[in-house]
C-alpha atoms as a PDB file:
ATOM      1  CA  MET A   1      88.102 132.776 112.908  1.00  0.00           C
ATOM      2  CA  HIS A   2      87.426 134.175 109.685  1.00  0.00           C
ATOM      3  CA  LYS A   3      90.538 132.213 108.570  1.00  0.00           C
ATOM      4  CA  MET A   4      88.697 129.070 109.529  1.00  0.00           C
ATOM      5  CA  LYS A   5      85.106 130.163 108.149  1.00  0.00           C
ATOM      6  CA  THR A   6      87.241 130.370 104.832  1.00  0.00           C
ATOM      7  CA  ILE A   7      88.825 127.113 104.781  1.00  0.00           C
ATOM      8  CA  ILE A   8      85.649 125.552 105.766  1.00  0.00           C
ATOM      9  CA  THR A   9      83.560 127.020 102.808  1.00  0.00           C
ATOM     10  CA  ILE A  10      86.467 126.188 100.253  1.00  0.00           C
ATOM     11  CA  PHE A  11      86.408 122.749 102.059  1.00  0.00           C
ATOM     12  CA  ALA A  12      82.488 122.522 101.785  1.00  0.00           C
ATOM     13  CA  LEU A  13      82.544 123.693  97.881  1.00  0.00           C
ATOM     14  CA  THR A  14      85.340 121.239  96.765  1.00  0.00           C
ATOM     15  CA  LEU A  15      83.464 118.608  98.270  1.00  0.00           C
ATOM     16  CA  THR A  16      80.386 120.022  96.078  1.00  0.00           C
ATOM     17  CA  ALA A  17      81.861 120.812  93.068  1.00  0.00           C
ATOM     18  CA  LEU A  18      83.136 117.083  93.657  1.00  0.00           C
ATOM     19  CA  LEU A  19      79.797 116.012  94.092  1.00  0.00           C
ATOM     20  CA  VAL A  20      78.363 117.588  91.784  1.00  0.00           C
ATOM     21  CA  TYR A  21      80.585 116.643  89.040  1.00  0.00           C
ATOM     22  CA  SER A  22      80.531 113.036  89.731  1.00  0.00           C
ATOM     23  CA  CYS A  23      76.551 113.005  89.707  1.00  0.00           C
ATOM     24  CA  SER A  24      77.135 114.925  86.138  1.00  0.00           C
ATOM     25  CA  LYS A  25      78.795 111.957  84.829  1.00  0.00           C
ATOM     26  CA  GLY A  26      75.414 109.993  84.795  1.00  0.00           C
ATOM     27  CA  SER A  27      77.131 106.651  85.345  1.00  0.00           C
ATOM     28  CA  ASN A  28      78.383 107.376  88.839  1.00  0.00           C
ATOM     29  CA  GLU A  29      76.210 105.936  91.820  1.00  0.00           C
ATOM     30  CA  THR A  30      75.902 107.720  95.294  1.00  0.00           C
ATOM     31  CA  GLU A  31      74.834 105.407  98.349  1.00  0.00           C
ATOM     32  CA  SER A  32      74.361 106.330 101.964  1.00  0.00           C
ATOM     33  CA  THR A  33      74.066 103.582 103.994  1.00  0.00           C
ATOM     34  CA  MET A  34      73.504 102.994 108.044  1.00  0.00           C
ATOM     35  CA  GLY A  35      75.686 100.413 109.874  1.00  0.00           C
ATOM     36  CA  THR A  36      78.391  99.050 112.024  1.00  0.00           C
ATOM     37  CA  VAL A  37      81.981  97.908 111.714  1.00  0.00           C
ATOM     38  CA  ASP A  38      80.368  94.785 110.171  1.00  0.00           C
ATOM     39  CA  ASP A  39      79.526  96.805 107.446  1.00  0.00           C
ATOM     40  CA  ILE A  40      83.091  98.154 106.806  1.00  0.00           C
ATOM     41  CA  PRO A  41      84.672  95.366 104.941  1.00  0.00           C
ATOM     42  CA  ILE A  42      81.655  95.203 101.889  1.00  0.00           C
ATOM     43  CA  ASN A  43      82.138  99.481 101.616  1.00  0.00           C
ATOM     44  CA  ILE A  44      85.868  98.830 101.138  1.00  0.00           C
ATOM     45  CA  GLU A  45      85.415  96.269  98.624  1.00  0.00           C
ATOM     46  CA  LYS A  46      82.961  98.502  96.468  1.00  0.00           C
ATOM     47  CA  LEU A  47      85.315 101.220  96.772  1.00  0.00           C
ATOM     48  CA  MET A  48      88.614  98.703  96.172  1.00  0.00           C
ATOM     49  CA  LYS A  49      86.867  97.414  93.273  1.00  0.00           C
ATOM     50  CA  SER A  50      84.977 100.544  91.818  1.00  0.00           C
ATOM     51  CA  LYS A  51      86.189 101.188  88.200  1.00  0.00           C
ATOM     52  CA  LYS A  52      85.939 105.128  88.536  1.00  0.00           C
ATOM     53  CA  ASP A  53      89.208 107.302  89.110  1.00  0.00           C
ATOM     54  CA  ASP A  54      87.048 109.441  91.329  1.00  0.00           C
ATOM     55  CA  ALA A  55      85.603 107.080  93.525  1.00  0.00           C
ATOM     56  CA  PHE A  56      85.659 107.815  97.508  1.00  0.00           C
ATOM     57  CA  LEU A  57      84.172 106.137 100.515  1.00  0.00           C
ATOM     58  CA  ILE A  58      83.350 108.432 104.090  1.00  0.00           C
ATOM     59  CA  ILE A  59      82.760 106.586 107.099  1.00  0.00           C
ATOM     60  CA  LYS A  60      80.983 108.771 109.686  1.00  0.00           C
ATOM     61  CA  VAL A  61      80.547 108.602 113.275  1.00  0.00           C
ATOM     62  CA  GLN A  62      76.716 108.985 114.000  1.00  0.00           C
ATOM     63  CA  GLY A  63      76.240 111.728 116.055  1.00  0.00           C
ATOM     64  CA  THR A  64      79.880 112.968 116.780  1.00  0.00           C
ATOM     65  CA  GLY A  65      80.705 114.964 113.300  1.00  0.00           C
ATOM     66  CA  ASP A  66      83.971 112.269 113.283  1.00  0.00           C
ATOM     67  CA  PHE A  67      84.252 111.340 110.126  1.00  0.00           C
ATOM     68  CA  ILE A  68      87.099 109.714 107.983  1.00  0.00           C
ATOM     69  CA  GLN A  69      87.659 109.229 104.096  1.00  0.00           C
ATOM     70  CA  PHE A  70      88.947 107.055 101.932  1.00  0.00           C
ATOM     71  CA  THR A  71      89.951 106.905  98.089  1.00  0.00           C
ATOM     72  CA  GLY A  72      91.156 103.315  96.531  1.00  0.00           C
ATOM     73  CA  ASP A  73      91.896 101.072  93.818  1.00  0.00           C
ATOM     74  CA  ILE A  74      91.845  97.305  93.557  1.00  0.00           C
ATOM     75  CA  ASP A  75      95.835  97.213  95.075  1.00  0.00           C
ATOM     76  CA  GLY A  76      94.555  98.674  98.314  1.00  0.00           C
ATOM     77  CA  ILE A  77      93.101 102.414  99.895  1.00  0.00           C
ATOM     78  CA  GLN A  78      94.103 105.742 100.933  1.00  0.00           C
ATOM     79  CA  LEU A  79      92.984 106.595 104.421  1.00  0.00           C
ATOM     80  CA  ASP A  80      92.732 110.479 104.511  1.00  0.00           C
ATOM     81  CA  PHE A  81      91.906 112.977 107.375  1.00  0.00           C
ATOM     82  CA  PRO A  82      91.447 116.322 107.231  1.00  0.00           C
ATOM     83  CA  LEU A  83      93.305 118.608 109.999  1.00  0.00           C
ATOM     84  CA  ILE A  84      90.572 121.579 109.169  1.00  0.00           C
ATOM     85  CA  THR A  85      88.403 122.023 112.083  1.00  0.00           C
ATOM     86  CA  SER A  86      89.610 122.776 115.517  1.00  0.00           C
ATOM     87  CA  LYS A  87      88.284 119.424 116.663  1.00  0.00           C
ATOM     88  CA  GLN A  88      90.008 117.697 113.853  1.00  0.00           C
ATOM     89  CA  LYS A  89      93.427 119.201 114.794  1.00  0.00           C
ATOM     90  CA  LYS A  90      92.763 118.494 118.448  1.00  0.00           C
ATOM     91  CA  ARG A  91      92.425 114.692 117.270  1.00  0.00           C
ATOM     92  CA  GLU A  92      95.921 114.972 115.307  1.00  0.00           C
ATOM     93  CA  THR A  93      97.573 113.042 118.479  1.00  0.00           C
ATOM     94  CA  ASP A  94      95.092 110.206 118.569  1.00  0.00           C
ATOM     95  CA  PHE A  95      95.856 109.763 114.898  1.00  0.00           C
ATOM     96  CA  TRP A  96      99.211 109.388 115.173  1.00  0.00           C
ATOM     97  CA  GLY A  97      98.749 107.291 118.310  1.00  0.00           C
ATOM     98  CA  ALA A  98      96.472 104.775 116.482  1.00  0.00           C
ATOM     99  CA  ALA A  99      98.542 104.405 113.367  1.00  0.00           C
ATOM    100  CA  ARG A 100     101.465 103.949 115.455  1.00  0.00           C
ATOM    101  CA  ASP A 101      99.685 101.398 117.582  1.00  0.00           C
ATOM    102  CA  LEU A 102      98.965  99.594 114.271  1.00  0.00           C
ATOM    103  CA  ASN A 103     102.622  99.854 112.593  1.00  0.00           C
ATOM    104  CA  LEU A 104     101.056 102.118 109.651  1.00  0.00           C
ATOM    105  CA  ASP A 105     102.847 105.062 107.795  1.00  0.00           C
ATOM    106  CA  VAL A 106     101.359 108.223 107.831  1.00  0.00           C
ATOM    107  CA  PHE A 107     102.380 111.333 105.616  1.00  0.00           C
ATOM    108  CA  GLU A 108     101.493 114.698 105.330  1.00  0.00           C
ATOM    109  CA  ASN A 109     100.128 116.126 102.367  1.00  0.00           C
ATOM    110  CA  LYS A 110      98.723 119.953 102.074  1.00  0.00           C
ATOM    111  CA  GLY A 111      95.926 121.328 100.527  1.00  0.00           C
ATOM    112  CA  SER A 112      96.342 124.373  97.804  1.00  0.00           C
ATOM    113  CA  ASP A 113      95.114 126.631 100.524  1.00  0.00           C
ATOM    114  CA  GLY A 114      97.936 125.137 103.056  1.00  0.00           C
ATOM    115  CA  SER A 115      95.605 122.776 104.995  1.00  0.00           C
ATOM    116  CA  ARG A 116      96.981 119.862 106.275  1.00  0.00           C
ATOM    117  CA  PHE A 117      95.769 116.089 105.752  1.00  0.00           C
ATOM    118  CA  LEU A 118      97.266 112.988 107.266  1.00  0.00           C
ATOM    119  CA  ASP A 119      97.417 109.956 104.664  1.00  0.00           C
ATOM    120  CA  ILE A 120      98.237 106.536 105.579  1.00  0.00           C
ATOM    121  CA  ASP A 121      98.124 104.000 102.524  1.00  0.00           C
ATOM    122  CA  ILE A 122      96.911 100.097 103.221  1.00  0.00           C
ATOM    123  CA  ASN A 123      97.514  97.616 100.817  1.00  0.00           C
ATOM    124  CA  GLY A 124      96.695  94.024  99.943  1.00  0.00           C
ATOM    125  CA  SER A 125      93.054  92.205  99.393  1.00  0.00           C
ATOM    126  CA  THR A 126      90.038  93.633 100.541  1.00  0.00           C
ATOM    127  CA  SER A 127      89.787  91.491 103.405  1.00  0.00           C
ATOM    128  CA  ALA A 128      93.219  92.273 104.646  1.00  0.00           C
ATOM    129  CA  VAL A 129      92.558  96.042 104.115  1.00  0.00           C
ATOM    130  CA  SER A 130      89.093  96.103 105.681  1.00  0.00           C
ATOM    131  CA  ASP A 131      90.589  94.247 108.533  1.00  0.00           C
ATOM    132  CA  ILE A 132      93.506  97.144 109.669  1.00  0.00           C
ATOM    133  CA  VAL A 133      90.498  99.954 108.381  1.00  0.00           C
ATOM    134  CA  THR A 134      88.157  98.487 110.866  1.00  0.00           C
ATOM    135  CA  LEU A 135      90.971  98.128 113.793  1.00  0.00           C
ATOM    136  CA  PHE A 136      92.075 101.778 112.997  1.00  0.00           C
ATOM    137  CA  ILE A 137      88.665 103.355 113.152  1.00  0.00           C
ATOM    138  CA  ALA A 138      88.242 101.598 116.737  1.00  0.00           C
ATOM    139  CA  ARG A 139      91.460 102.686 117.778  1.00  0.00           C
ATOM    140  CA  PHE A 140      91.223 106.672 116.406  1.00  0.00           C
ATOM    141  CA  LEU A 141      87.508 106.899 117.376  1.00  0.00           C
ATOM    142  CA  SER A 142      86.677 104.351 120.111  1.00  0.00           C
ATOM    143  CA  VAL A 143      84.267 103.131 117.454  1.00  0.00           C
ATOM    144  CA  THR A 144      82.952  99.151 119.011  1.00  0.00           C
ATOM    145  CA  LYS A 145      80.451  96.830 117.326  1.00  0.00           C
ATOM    146  CA  ASP A 146      77.601  98.848 118.396  1.00  0.00           C
ATOM    147  CA  THR A 147      78.549 101.986 117.466  1.00  0.00           C
ATOM    148  CA  ALA A 148      76.388 103.519 114.889  1.00  0.00           C
ATOM    149  CA  LEU A 149      77.884 104.484 111.541  1.00  0.00           C
ATOM    150  CA  GLU A 150      76.891 106.006 108.583  1.00  0.00           C
ATOM    151  CA  PHE A 151      78.772 104.641 105.064  1.00  0.00           C
ATOM    152  CA  GLU A 152      78.530 107.304 101.890  1.00  0.00           C
ATOM    153  CA  ILE A 153      80.168 105.910  98.800  1.00  0.00           C
ATOM    154  CA  TYR A 154      80.626 107.510  95.635  1.00  0.00           C
ATOM    155  CA  THR A 155      81.566 105.131  92.938  1.00  0.00           C
END
């Protein structure tokens, strides 16, 4: 239990440091909006067109604690799912299954503390990438057209 608290604390501090760094640059904008899967394309487009190397997007399923994070550039995005909490670890099989259903290649990265992250690179136009992200989120997180999503984008 102590190890889990330490990992969560490190993760939270890392995100906080990233936010402080992003805000200190002055020209970065942080935007948080509510929406549905219909809002995925506009947020993916903002991420892919951002001129900032440290831009990222987090899509959260309201009321569940579930989220997926993304980085990207004009060529595509990287979908990133951390395996830090016990809930996230329990979802690993679902993640692999959704990726397999969509013929997406998953690769694993490890954080400096040994924490695991599952990643998927999705390249193409903003429209093509958005379509794949929408399908993946629907399969992996059981999101429907009416599911409330929160979009946090840092550009």
